[in-house]
Amino acid sequence: MDLRSKAVIEGTRQVLPGVMSSFLTTVAVFAPLSFLSGELGAVLEVLPVVLIAALAASLVEAFLILPHHLKGSVARLHQAHDSRFRVAGLARPDHPIFTCRGEAAGWRQAGCPH
C-alpha cells in the first residue's frame, strides 16, 4: 500500500468516531418523532425518515466515496502550478471583488465601480 492510501485511510479512521457519534445522536433525537400519534404525528412522521436517509447517504459518501477521491487528489497537491483563480489575479487581497462594498453598505472605497 502506498503512502497516499495510508494517509487517506488513517485520516478516515481518525474522524470516524466523531462523525459516527454525531450521526447516532441525531438518529436518537429524531427517530422517536416517527412514532408520534395524532395530527402532529401525521405531519412529522416523514421528517425523521428523510433526515436519517440523508444522513446515512452522507455517511456512505464521507467514508467510501470521498476517501477514494482524496487518494487521487493527494498526488496533485505536490504539483507546482497555480490555480485558475490565482492566474486570473482574483487571489490578490487588493482585488476589487474583496475591497469594494458599494452603495448597499452606505460608503464606497476608491476604485470601486459606480
PDB file of N, CA and C in Angstrom:
ATOM      1  N   MET A   1       0.847  -1.173   0.000  1.00  0.00           N
ATOM      2  CA  MET A   1       0.000   0.000   0.000  1.00  0.00           C
ATOM      3  C   MET A   1       0.893   1.238   0.000  1.00  0.00           C
ATOM      4  N   ASP A   2       0.586   2.179  -0.883  1.00  0.00           N
ATOM      5  CA  ASP A   2       1.424   3.370  -0.977  1.00  0.00           C
ATOM      6  C   ASP A   2       1.095   4.369   0.137  1.00  0.00           C
ATOM      7  N   LEU A   3       1.921   5.384   0.241  1.00  0.00           N
ATOM      8  CA  LEU A   3       1.816   6.367   1.316  1.00  0.00           C
ATOM      9  C   LEU A   3       0.510   7.158   1.246  1.00  0.00           C
ATOM     10  N   ARG A   4       0.054   7.478   0.021  1.00  0.00           N
ATOM     11  CA  ARG A   4      -1.194   8.234  -0.124  1.00  0.00           C
ATOM     12  C   ARG A   4      -2.377   7.455   0.410  1.00  0.00           C
ATOM     13  N   SER A   5      -2.442   6.175   0.067  1.00  0.00           N
ATOM     14  CA  SER A   5      -3.544   5.348   0.544  1.00  0.00           C
ATOM     15  C   SER A   5      -3.532   5.238   2.058  1.00  0.00           C
ATOM     16  N   LYS A   6      -2.349   5.090   2.629  1.00  0.00           N
ATOM     17  CA  LYS A   6      -2.242   5.008   4.087  1.00  0.00           C
ATOM     18  C   LYS A   6      -2.706   6.306   4.742  1.00  0.00           C
ATOM     19  N   ALA A   7      -2.347   7.447   4.159  1.00  0.00           N
ATOM     20  CA  ALA A   7      -2.748   8.742   4.718  1.00  0.00           C
ATOM     21  C   ALA A   7      -4.262   8.920   4.667  1.00  0.00           C
ATOM     22  N   VAL A   8      -4.868   8.527   3.570  1.00  0.00           N
ATOM     23  CA  VAL A   8      -6.316   8.656   3.438  1.00  0.00           C
ATOM     24  C   VAL A   8      -7.033   7.728   4.411  1.00  0.00           C
ATOM     25  N   ILE A   9      -6.557   6.501   4.534  1.00  0.00           N
ATOM     26  CA  ILE A   9      -7.178   5.542   5.459  1.00  0.00           C
ATOM     27  C   ILE A   9      -7.026   6.009   6.890  1.00  0.00           C
ATOM     28  N   GLU A  10      -5.853   6.499   7.253  1.00  0.00           N
ATOM     29  CA  GLU A  10      -5.622   6.968   8.624  1.00  0.00           C
ATOM     30  C   GLU A  10      -6.487   8.190   8.935  1.00  0.00           C
ATOM     31  N   GLY A  11      -6.597   9.105   8.001  1.00  0.00           N
ATOM     32  CA  GLY A  11      -7.446  10.278   8.206  1.00  0.00           C
ATOM     33  C   GLY A  11      -8.911   9.902   8.364  1.00  0.00           C
ATOM     34  N   THR A  12      -9.352   8.947   7.572  1.00  0.00           N
ATOM     35  CA  THR A  12     -10.732   8.477   7.675  1.00  0.00           C
ATOM     36  C   THR A  12     -10.969   7.803   9.020  1.00  0.00           C
ATOM     37  N   ARG A  13     -10.022   7.025   9.461  1.00  0.00           N
ATOM     38  CA  ARG A  13     -10.154   6.361  10.775  1.00  0.00           C
ATOM     39  C   ARG A  13     -10.191   7.371  11.913  1.00  0.00           C
ATOM     40  N   GLN A  14      -9.457   8.465  11.783  1.00  0.00           N
ATOM     41  CA  GLN A  14      -9.419   9.460  12.848  1.00  0.00           C
ATOM     42  C   GLN A  14     -10.743  10.195  13.011  1.00  0.00           C
ATOM     43  N   VAL A  15     -11.439  10.459  11.906  1.00  0.00           N
ATOM     44  CA  VAL A  15     -12.700  11.198  12.004  1.00  0.00           C
ATOM     45  C   VAL A  15     -13.909  10.292  12.195  1.00  0.00           C
ATOM     46  N   LEU A  16     -13.754   8.989  11.991  1.00  0.00           N
ATOM     47  CA  LEU A  16     -14.878   8.064  12.093  1.00  0.00           C
ATOM     48  C   LEU A  16     -15.606   8.124  13.431  1.00  0.00           C
ATOM     49  N   PRO A  17     -14.934   8.083  14.581  1.00  0.00           N
ATOM     50  CA  PRO A  17     -15.681   8.094  15.849  1.00  0.00           C
ATOM     51  C   PRO A  17     -16.535   9.350  16.052  1.00  0.00           C
ATOM     52  N   GLY A  18     -16.002  10.504  15.729  1.00  0.00           N
ATOM     53  CA  GLY A  18     -16.759  11.747  15.901  1.00  0.00           C
ATOM     54  C   GLY A  18     -17.947  11.841  14.981  1.00  0.00           C
ATOM     55  N   VAL A  19     -17.741  11.484  13.718  1.00  0.00           N
ATOM     56  CA  VAL A  19     -18.827  11.550  12.748  1.00  0.00           C
ATOM     57  C   VAL A  19     -19.900  10.520  13.076  1.00  0.00           C
ATOM     58  N   MET A  20     -19.487   9.318  13.434  1.00  0.00           N
ATOM     59  CA  MET A  20     -20.460   8.275  13.757  1.00  0.00           C
ATOM     60  C   MET A  20     -21.246   8.618  15.018  1.00  0.00           C
ATOM     61  N   SER A  21     -20.588   9.185  16.029  1.00  0.00           N
ATOM     62  CA  SER A  21     -21.322   9.556  17.239  1.00  0.00           C
ATOM     63  C   SER A  21     -22.312  10.686  16.964  1.00  0.00           C
ATOM     64  N   SER A  22     -21.951  11.610  16.107  1.00  0.00           N
ATOM     65  CA  SER A  22     -22.888  12.676  15.721  1.00  0.00           C
ATOM     66  C   SER A  22     -24.083  12.099  14.980  1.00  0.00           C
ATOM     67  N   PHE A  23     -23.837  11.162  14.089  1.00  0.00           N
ATOM     68  CA  PHE A  23     -24.915  10.518  13.344  1.00  0.00           C
ATOM     69  C   PHE A  23     -25.854   9.779  14.287  1.00  0.00           C
ATOM     70  N   LEU A  24     -25.290   8.997  15.197  1.00  0.00           N
ATOM     71  CA  LEU A  24     -26.120   8.216  16.118  1.00  0.00           C
ATOM     72  C   LEU A  24     -26.894   9.121  17.076  1.00  0.00           C
ATOM     73  N   THR A  25     -26.298  10.228  17.492  1.00  0.00           N
ATOM     74  CA  THR A  25     -27.003  11.173  18.346  1.00  0.00           C
ATOM     75  C   THR A  25     -28.192  11.781  17.614  1.00  0.00           C
ATOM     76  N   THR A  26     -27.983  12.158  16.363  1.00  0.00           N
ATOM     77  CA  THR A  26     -29.070  12.731  15.570  1.00  0.00           C
ATOM     78  C   THR A  26     -30.179  11.712  15.353  1.00  0.00           C
ATOM     79  N   VAL A  27     -29.810  10.466  15.085  1.00  0.00           N
ATOM     80  CA  VAL A  27     -30.811   9.415  14.920  1.00  0.00           C
ATOM     81  C   VAL A  27     -31.593   9.222  16.218  1.00  0.00           C
ATOM     82  N   ALA A  28     -30.897   9.234  17.340  1.00  0.00           N
ATOM     83  CA  ALA A  28     -31.561   9.047  18.635  1.00  0.00           C
ATOM     84  C   ALA A  28     -32.537  10.179  18.944  1.00  0.00           C
ATOM     85  N   VAL A  29     -32.246  11.367  18.466  1.00  0.00           N
ATOM     86  CA  VAL A  29     -33.120  12.506  18.720  1.00  0.00           C
ATOM     87  C   VAL A  29     -34.326  12.510  17.780  1.00  0.00           C
ATOM     88  N   PHE A  30     -34.100  12.221  16.499  1.00  0.00           N
ATOM     89  CA  PHE A  30     -35.168  12.357  15.520  1.00  0.00           C
ATOM     90  C   PHE A  30     -35.985  11.087  15.291  1.00  0.00           C
ATOM     91  N   ALA A  31     -35.452   9.926  15.545  1.00  0.00           N
ATOM     92  CA  ALA A  31     -36.197   8.681  15.302  1.00  0.00           C
ATOM     93  C   ALA A  31     -37.499   8.606  16.093  1.00  0.00           C
ATOM     94  N   PRO A  32     -37.541   9.023  17.360  1.00  0.00           N
ATOM     95  CA  PRO A  32     -38.818   8.951  18.086  1.00  0.00           C
ATOM     96  C   PRO A  32     -39.935   9.802  17.478  1.00  0.00           C
ATOM     97  N   LEU A  33     -39.590  10.816  16.686  1.00  0.00           N
ATOM     98  CA  LEU A  33     -40.628  11.628  16.049  1.00  0.00           C
ATOM     99  C   LEU A  33     -41.486  10.811  15.092  1.00  0.00           C
ATOM    100  N   SER A  34     -40.940   9.738  14.549  1.00  0.00           N
ATOM    101  CA  SER A  34     -41.713   8.928  13.610  1.00  0.00           C
ATOM    102  C   SER A  34     -42.776   8.097  14.317  1.00  0.00           C
ATOM    103  N   PHE A  35     -42.747   8.046  15.647  1.00  0.00           N
ATOM    104  CA  PHE A  35     -43.730   7.259  16.405  1.00  0.00           C
ATOM    105  C   PHE A  35     -44.801   8.112  17.068  1.00  0.00           C
ATOM    106  N   LEU A  36     -44.825   9.417  16.775  1.00  0.00           N
ATOM    107  CA  LEU A  36     -45.849  10.276  17.350  1.00  0.00           C
ATOM    108  C   LEU A  36     -47.211   9.943  16.753  1.00  0.00           C
ATOM    109  N   SER A  37     -48.261  10.139  17.547  1.00  0.00           N
ATOM    110  CA  SER A  37     -49.614   9.881  17.047  1.00  0.00           C
ATOM    111  C   SER A  37     -50.361  11.201  16.916  1.00  0.00           C
ATOM    112  N   GLY A  38     -51.520  11.143  16.326  1.00  0.00           N
ATOM    113  CA  GLY A  38     -52.364  12.326  16.169  1.00  0.00           C
ATOM    114  C   GLY A  38     -51.960  13.149  14.955  1.00  0.00           C
ATOM    115  N   GLU A  39     -52.476  14.382  14.940  1.00  0.00           N
ATOM    116  CA  GLU A  39     -52.206  15.273  13.807  1.00  0.00           C
ATOM    117  C   GLU A  39     -50.727  15.640  13.720  1.00  0.00           C
ATOM    118  N   LEU A  40     -50.120  15.886  14.862  1.00  0.00           N
ATOM    119  CA  LEU A  40     -48.694  16.220  14.874  1.00  0.00           C
ATOM    120  C   LEU A  40     -47.867  15.054  14.349  1.00  0.00           C
ATOM    121  N   GLY A  41     -48.226  13.842  14.720  1.00  0.00           N
ATOM    122  CA  GLY A  41     -47.534  12.662  14.218  1.00  0.00           C
ATOM    123  C   GLY A  41     -47.674  12.505  12.720  1.00  0.00           C
ATOM    124  N   ALA A  42     -48.869  12.841  12.196  1.00  0.00           N
ATOM    125  CA  ALA A  42     -49.093  12.749  10.754  1.00  0.00           C
ATOM    126  C   ALA A  42     -48.216  13.744   9.997  1.00  0.00           C
ATOM    127  N   VAL A  43     -48.018  14.901  10.603  1.00  0.00           N
ATOM    128  CA  VAL A  43     -47.200  15.932   9.955  1.00  0.00           C
ATOM    129  C   VAL A  43     -45.714  15.586  10.041  1.00  0.00           C
ATOM    130  N   LEU A  44     -45.280  15.087  11.196  1.00  0.00           N
ATOM    131  CA  LEU A  44     -43.859  14.879  11.448  1.00  0.00           C
ATOM    132  C   LEU A  44     -43.347  13.484  11.112  1.00  0.00           C
ATOM    133  N   GLU A  45     -44.206  12.563  10.687  1.00  0.00           N
ATOM    134  CA  GLU A  45     -43.743  11.189  10.501  1.00  0.00           C
ATOM    135  C   GLU A  45     -42.714  11.027   9.392  1.00  0.00           C
ATOM    136  N   VAL A  46     -42.761  11.861   8.390  1.00  0.00           N
ATOM    137  CA  VAL A  46     -41.830  11.719   7.272  1.00  0.00           C
ATOM    138  C   VAL A  46     -40.499  12.434   7.534  1.00  0.00           C
ATOM    139  N   LEU A  47     -40.496  13.439   8.400  1.00  0.00           N
ATOM    140  CA  LEU A  47     -39.284  14.213   8.667  1.00  0.00           C
ATOM    141  C   LEU A  47     -38.114  13.352   9.144  1.00  0.00           C
ATOM    142  N   PRO A  48     -38.285  12.516  10.163  1.00  0.00           N
ATOM    143  CA  PRO A  48     -37.134  11.721  10.603  1.00  0.00           C
ATOM    144  C   PRO A  48     -36.675  10.701   9.570  1.00  0.00           C
ATOM    145  N   VAL A  49     -37.597  10.174   8.792  1.00  0.00           N
ATOM    146  CA  VAL A  49     -37.222   9.190   7.766  1.00  0.00           C
ATOM    147  C   VAL A  49     -36.325   9.844   6.720  1.00  0.00           C
ATOM    148  N   VAL A  50     -36.719  11.019   6.267  1.00  0.00           N
ATOM    149  CA  VAL A  50     -35.930  11.733   5.251  1.00  0.00           C
ATOM    150  C   VAL A  50     -34.593  12.178   5.828  1.00  0.00           C
ATOM    151  N   LEU A  51     -34.601  12.692   7.044  1.00  0.00           N
ATOM    152  CA  LEU A  51     -33.369  13.157   7.672  1.00  0.00           C
ATOM    153  C   LEU A  51     -32.379  12.019   7.873  1.00  0.00           C
ATOM    154  N   ILE A  52     -32.854  10.894   8.384  1.00  0.00           N
ATOM    155  CA  ILE A  52     -31.965   9.759   8.630  1.00  0.00           C
ATOM    156  C   ILE A  52     -31.456   9.177   7.317  1.00  0.00           C
ATOM    157  N   ALA A  53     -32.296   9.137   6.295  1.00  0.00           N
ATOM    158  CA  ALA A  53     -31.851   8.651   4.984  1.00  0.00           C
ATOM    159  C   ALA A  53     -30.778   9.562   4.398  1.00  0.00           C
ATOM    160  N   ALA A  54     -30.965  10.869   4.531  1.00  0.00           N
ATOM    161  CA  ALA A  54     -29.969  11.817   4.012  1.00  0.00           C
ATOM    162  C   ALA A  54     -28.657  11.701   4.775  1.00  0.00           C
ATOM    163  N   LEU A  55     -28.732  11.551   6.088  1.00  0.00           N
ATOM    164  CA  LEU A  55     -27.510  11.395   6.877  1.00  0.00           C
ATOM    165  C   LEU A  55     -26.806  10.079   6.576  1.00  0.00           C
ATOM    166  N   ALA A  56     -27.575   9.019   6.353  1.00  0.00           N
ATOM    167  CA  ALA A  56     -26.969   7.728   6.006  1.00  0.00           C
ATOM    168  C   ALA A  56     -26.256   7.819   4.651  1.00  0.00           C
ATOM    169  N   ALA A  57     -26.885   8.499   3.698  1.00  0.00           N
ATOM    170  CA  ALA A  57     -26.236   8.690   2.399  1.00  0.00           C
ATOM    171  C   ALA A  57     -24.968   9.523   2.548  1.00  0.00           C
ATOM    172  N   SER A  58     -25.008  10.502   3.442  1.00  0.00           N
ATOM    173  CA  SER A  58     -23.829  11.325   3.696  1.00  0.00           C
ATOM    174  C   SER A  58     -22.705  10.503   4.318  1.00  0.00           C
ATOM    175  N   LEU A  59     -23.048   9.554   5.183  1.00  0.00           N
ATOM    176  CA  LEU A  59     -22.026   8.674   5.760  1.00  0.00           C
ATOM    177  C   LEU A  59     -21.360   7.819   4.692  1.00  0.00           C
ATOM    178  N   VAL A  60     -22.165   7.297   3.786  1.00  0.00           N
ATOM    179  CA  VAL A  60     -21.606   6.487   2.695  1.00  0.00           C
ATOM    180  C   VAL A  60     -20.649   7.336   1.869  1.00  0.00           C
ATOM    181  N   GLU A  61     -21.063   8.556   1.571  1.00  0.00           N
ATOM    182  CA  GLU A  61     -20.198   9.438   0.785  1.00  0.00           C
ATOM    183  C   GLU A  61     -18.928   9.785   1.555  1.00  0.00           C
ATOM    184  N   ALA A  62     -19.060  10.075   2.840  1.00  0.00           N
ATOM    185  CA  ALA A  62     -17.918  10.516   3.630  1.00  0.00           C
ATOM    186  C   ALA A  62     -16.880   9.432   3.863  1.00  0.00           C
ATOM    187  N   PHE A  63     -17.330   8.185   3.984  1.00  0.00           N
ATOM    188  CA  PHE A  63     -16.391   7.125   4.351  1.00  0.00           C
ATOM    189  C   PHE A  63     -16.044   6.176   3.214  1.00  0.00           C
ATOM    190  N   LEU A  64     -16.754   6.229   2.110  1.00  0.00           N
ATOM    191  CA  LEU A  64     -16.432   5.358   0.982  1.00  0.00           C
ATOM    192  C   LEU A  64     -16.043   6.124  -0.274  1.00  0.00           C
ATOM    193  N   ILE A  65     -16.820   7.129  -0.628  1.00  0.00           N
ATOM    194  CA  ILE A  65     -16.593   7.828  -1.893  1.00  0.00           C
ATOM    195  C   ILE A  65     -15.520   8.910  -1.750  1.00  0.00           C
ATOM    196  N   LEU A  66     -15.648   9.776  -0.739  1.00  0.00           N
ATOM    197  CA  LEU A  66     -14.697  10.870  -0.560  1.00  0.00           C
ATOM    198  C   LEU A  66     -13.260  10.395  -0.358  1.00  0.00           C
ATOM    199  N   PRO A  67     -12.993   9.371   0.468  1.00  0.00           N
ATOM    200  CA  PRO A  67     -11.600   8.923   0.596  1.00  0.00           C
ATOM    201  C   PRO A  67     -10.991   8.466  -0.731  1.00  0.00           C
ATOM    202  N   HIS A  68     -11.805   7.862  -1.579  1.00  0.00           N
ATOM    203  CA  HIS A  68     -11.294   7.444  -2.891  1.00  0.00           C
ATOM    204  C   HIS A  68     -10.900   8.665  -3.721  1.00  0.00           C
ATOM    205  N   HIS A  69     -11.717   9.710  -3.686  1.00  0.00           N
ATOM    206  CA  HIS A  69     -11.383  10.931  -4.423  1.00  0.00           C
ATOM    207  C   HIS A  69     -10.145  11.605  -3.829  1.00  0.00           C
ATOM    208  N   LEU A  70     -10.047  11.608  -2.515  1.00  0.00           N
ATOM    209  CA  LEU A  70      -8.887  12.228  -1.877  1.00  0.00           C
ATOM    210  C   LEU A  70      -7.594  11.518  -2.227  1.00  0.00           C
ATOM    211  N   LYS A  71      -7.651  10.204  -2.327  1.00  0.00           N
ATOM    212  CA  LYS A  71      -6.459   9.439  -2.671  1.00  0.00           C
ATOM    213  C   LYS A  71      -5.902   9.890  -4.012  1.00  0.00           C
ATOM    214  N   GLY A  72      -6.787  10.175  -4.947  1.00  0.00           N
ATOM    215  CA  GLY A  72      -6.342  10.635  -6.260  1.00  0.00           C
ATOM    216  C   GLY A  72      -5.878  12.076  -6.263  1.00  0.00           C
ATOM    217  N   SER A  73      -6.431  12.897  -5.365  1.00  0.00           N
ATOM    218  CA  SER A  73      -6.065  14.316  -5.381  1.00  0.00           C
ATOM    219  C   SER A  73      -4.821  14.620  -4.564  1.00  0.00           C
ATOM    220  N   VAL A  74      -4.431  13.735  -3.659  1.00  0.00           N
ATOM    221  CA  VAL A  74      -3.230  13.971  -2.860  1.00  0.00           C
ATOM    222  C   VAL A  74      -2.000  14.072  -3.753  1.00  0.00           C
ATOM    223  N   ALA A  75      -1.973  13.289  -4.807  1.00  0.00           N
ATOM    224  CA  ALA A  75      -0.828  13.322  -5.722  1.00  0.00           C
ATOM    225  C   ALA A  75      -0.709  14.677  -6.408  1.00  0.00           C
ATOM    226  N   ARG A  76      -1.829  15.324  -6.693  1.00  0.00           N
ATOM    227  CA  ARG A  76      -1.801  16.608  -7.387  1.00  0.00           C
ATOM    228  C   ARG A  76      -1.414  17.772  -6.490  1.00  0.00           C
ATOM    229  N   LEU A  77      -1.417  17.567  -5.174  1.00  0.00           N
ATOM    230  CA  LEU A  77      -1.043  18.647  -4.262  1.00  0.00           C
ATOM    231  C   LEU A  77       0.419  19.034  -4.417  1.00  0.00           C
ATOM    232  N   HIS A  78       1.246  18.111  -4.852  1.00  0.00           N
ATOM    233  CA  HIS A  78       2.680  18.369  -4.950  1.00  0.00           C
ATOM    234  C   HIS A  78       3.076  19.013  -6.273  1.00  0.00           C
ATOM    235  N   GLN A  79       2.153  19.103  -7.214  1.00  0.00           N
ATOM    236  CA  GLN A  79       2.465  19.759  -8.479  1.00  0.00           C
ATOM    237  C   GLN A  79       2.531  21.263  -8.247  1.00  0.00           C
ATOM    238  N   ALA A  80       3.513  21.903  -8.845  1.00  0.00           N
ATOM    239  CA  ALA A  80       3.748  23.330  -8.607  1.00  0.00           C
ATOM    240  C   ALA A  80       3.087  24.175  -9.682  1.00  0.00           C
ATOM    241  N   HIS A  81       1.772  24.183  -9.743  1.00  0.00           N
ATOM    242  CA  HIS A  81       1.094  25.064 -10.690  1.00  0.00           C
ATOM    243  C   HIS A  81       0.053  25.881  -9.936  1.00  0.00           C
ATOM    244  N   ASP A  82      -0.186  27.079 -10.439  1.00  0.00           N
ATOM    245  CA  ASP A  82      -1.161  27.959  -9.815  1.00  0.00           C
ATOM    246  C   ASP A  82      -2.564  27.598 -10.286  1.00  0.00           C
ATOM    247  N   SER A  83      -3.530  27.855  -9.440  1.00  0.00           N
ATOM    248  CA  SER A  83      -4.915  27.599  -9.794  1.00  0.00           C
ATOM    249  C   SER A  83      -5.397  28.640 -10.801  1.00  0.00           C
ATOM    250  N   ARG A  84      -6.507  28.350 -11.457  1.00  0.00           N
ATOM    251  CA  ARG A  84      -7.077  29.316 -12.394  1.00  0.00           C
ATOM    252  C   ARG A  84      -7.479  30.590 -11.672  1.00  0.00           C
ATOM    253  N   PHE A  85      -7.903  30.472 -10.432  1.00  0.00           N
ATOM    254  CA  PHE A  85      -8.281  31.622  -9.614  1.00  0.00           C
ATOM    255  C   PHE A  85      -7.080  32.551  -9.418  1.00  0.00           C
ATOM    256  N   ARG A  86      -5.926  31.971  -9.083  1.00  0.00           N
ATOM    257  CA  ARG A  86      -4.725  32.762  -8.861  1.00  0.00           C
ATOM    258  C   ARG A  86      -4.194  33.337 -10.177  1.00  0.00           C
ATOM    259  N   VAL A  87      -4.234  32.563 -11.243  1.00  0.00           N
ATOM    260  CA  VAL A  87      -3.748  33.031 -12.545  1.00  0.00           C
ATOM    261  C   VAL A  87      -4.577  34.214 -13.023  1.00  0.00           C
ATOM    262  N   ALA A  88      -5.879  34.201 -12.773  1.00  0.00           N
ATOM    263  CA  ALA A  88      -6.753  35.296 -13.203  1.00  0.00           C
ATOM    264  C   ALA A  88      -6.552  36.549 -12.372  1.00  0.00           C
ATOM    265  N   GLY A  89      -5.755  36.471 -11.322  1.00  0.00           N
ATOM    266  CA  GLY A  89      -5.490  37.637 -10.490  1.00  0.00           C
ATOM    267  C   GLY A  89      -6.548  37.880  -9.436  1.00  0.00           C
ATOM    268  N   LEU A  90      -7.446  36.939  -9.244  1.00  0.00           N
ATOM    269  CA  LEU A  90      -8.525  37.127  -8.285  1.00  0.00           C
ATOM    270  C   LEU A  90      -8.105  36.827  -6.850  1.00  0.00           C
ATOM    271  N   ALA A  91      -6.922  36.271  -6.660  1.00  0.00           N
ATOM    272  CA  ALA A  91      -6.489  35.912  -5.318  1.00  0.00           C
ATOM    273  C   ALA A  91      -5.771  37.058  -4.613  1.00  0.00           C
ATOM    274  N   ARG A  92      -5.630  38.196  -5.279  1.00  0.00           N
ATOM    275  CA  ARG A  92      -4.972  39.345  -4.644  1.00  0.00           C
ATOM    276  C   ARG A  92      -5.910  39.960  -3.605  1.00  0.00           C
ATOM    277  N   PRO A  93      -5.416  40.272  -2.417  1.00  0.00           N
ATOM    278  CA  PRO A  93      -6.282  40.886  -1.413  1.00  0.00           C
ATOM    279  C   PRO A  93      -6.760  42.276  -1.799  1.00  0.00           C
ATOM    280  N   ASP A  94      -6.041  42.947  -2.747  1.00  0.00           N
ATOM    281  CA  ASP A  94      -6.462  44.286  -3.156  1.00  0.00           C
ATOM    282  C   ASP A  94      -7.380  44.255  -4.383  1.00  0.00           C
ATOM    283  N   HIS A  95      -7.785  43.079  -4.812  1.00  0.00           N
ATOM    284  CA  HIS A  95      -8.689  42.969  -5.959  1.00  0.00           C
ATOM    285  C   HIS A  95     -10.036  43.588  -5.596  1.00  0.00           C
ATOM    286  N   PRO A  96     -10.689  44.284  -6.545  1.00  0.00           N
ATOM    287  CA  PRO A  96     -11.977  44.939  -6.246  1.00  0.00           C
ATOM    288  C   PRO A  96     -13.052  43.993  -5.694  1.00  0.00           C
ATOM    289  N   ILE A  97     -12.987  42.737  -6.026  1.00  0.00           N
ATOM    290  CA  ILE A  97     -14.001  41.819  -5.521  1.00  0.00           C
ATOM    291  C   ILE A  97     -13.938  41.704  -3.997  1.00  0.00           C
ATOM    292  N   PHE A  98     -12.762  41.948  -3.419  1.00  0.00           N
ATOM    293  CA  PHE A  98     -12.602  41.873  -1.971  1.00  0.00           C
ATOM    294  C   PHE A  98     -12.696  43.230  -1.292  1.00  0.00           C
ATOM    295  N   THR A  99     -12.394  44.326  -2.018  1.00  0.00           N
ATOM    296  CA  THR A  99     -12.322  45.645  -1.387  1.00  0.00           C
ATOM    297  C   THR A  99     -13.561  46.486  -1.622  1.00  0.00           C
ATOM    298  N   CYS A 100     -14.330  46.228  -2.647  1.00  0.00           N
ATOM    299  CA  CYS A 100     -15.480  47.058  -2.990  1.00  0.00           C
ATOM    300  C   CYS A 100     -16.694  46.661  -2.150  1.00  0.00           C
ATOM    301  N   ARG A 101     -17.317  47.631  -1.518  1.00  0.00           N
ATOM    302  CA  ARG A 101     -18.508  47.354  -0.719  1.00  0.00           C
ATOM    303  C   ARG A 101     -19.764  47.957  -1.355  1.00  0.00           C
ATOM    304  N   GLY A 102     -19.600  48.972  -2.185  1.00  0.00           N
ATOM    305  CA  GLY A 102     -20.720  49.540  -2.917  1.00  0.00           C
ATOM    306  C   GLY A 102     -21.662  50.379  -2.074  1.00  0.00           C
ATOM    307  N   GLU A 103     -22.754  50.803  -2.694  1.00  0.00           N
ATOM    308  CA  GLU A 103     -23.709  51.698  -2.050  1.00  0.00           C
ATOM    309  C   GLU A 103     -24.542  50.993  -0.984  1.00  0.00           C
ATOM    310  N   ALA A 104     -24.685  49.689  -1.065  1.00  0.00           N
ATOM    311  CA  ALA A 104     -25.508  48.976  -0.093  1.00  0.00           C
ATOM    312  C   ALA A 104     -24.971  49.151   1.323  1.00  0.00           C
ATOM    313  N   ALA A 105     -23.672  49.285   1.463  1.00  0.00           N
ATOM    314  CA  ALA A 105     -23.074  49.482   2.783  1.00  0.00           C
ATOM    315  C   ALA A 105     -23.069  50.950   3.184  1.00  0.00           C
ATOM    316  N   GLY A 106     -23.454  51.825   2.270  1.00  0.00           N
ATOM    317  CA  GLY A 106     -23.525  53.243   2.594  1.00  0.00           C
ATOM    318  C   GLY A 106     -22.231  53.994   2.369  1.00  0.00           C
ATOM    319  N   TRP A 107     -21.250  53.396   1.765  1.00  0.00           N
ATOM    320  CA  TRP A 107     -19.985  54.063   1.505  1.00  0.00           C
ATOM    321  C   TRP A 107     -19.288  53.373   0.343  1.00  0.00           C
ATOM    322  N   ARG A 108     -18.339  54.045  -0.234  1.00  0.00           N
ATOM    323  CA  ARG A 108     -17.552  53.488  -1.345  1.00  0.00           C
ATOM    324  C   ARG A 108     -16.075  53.673  -1.053  1.00  0.00           C
ATOM    325  N   GLN A 109     -15.312  52.705  -1.523  1.00  0.00           N
ATOM    326  CA  GLN A 109     -13.862  52.845  -1.436  1.00  0.00           C
ATOM    327  C   GLN A 109     -13.358  53.327  -2.778  1.00  0.00           C
ATOM    328  N   ALA A 110     -12.192  53.927  -2.770  1.00  0.00           N
ATOM    329  CA  ALA A 110     -11.610  54.420  -4.009  1.00  0.00           C
ATOM    330  C   ALA A 110     -11.385  53.247  -4.966  1.00  0.00           C
ATOM    331  N   GLY A 111     -11.734  53.443  -6.202  1.00  0.00           N
ATOM    332  CA  GLY A 111     -11.504  52.427  -7.220  1.00  0.00           C
ATOM    333  C   GLY A 111     -12.684  51.480  -7.427  1.00  0.00           C
ATOM    334  N   CYS A 112     -13.716  51.588  -6.640  1.00  0.00           N
ATOM    335  CA  CYS A 112     -14.876  50.722  -6.829  1.00  0.00           C
ATOM    336  C   CYS A 112     -15.746  51.271  -7.949  1.00  0.00           C
ATOM    337  N   PRO A 113     -16.299  50.377  -8.754  1.00  0.00           N
ATOM    338  CA  PRO A 113     -17.174  50.858  -9.827  1.00  0.00           C
ATOM    339  C   PRO A 113     -18.462  51.449  -9.263  1.00  0.00           C
ATOM    340  N   HIS A 114     -19.040  52.387  -9.996  1.00  0.00           N
ATOM    341  CA  HIS A 114     -20.266  53.055  -9.512  1.00  0.00           C
ATOM    342  C   HIS A 114     -21.481  52.262  -9.881  1.00  0.00           C
TER     343      HIS A 114
END
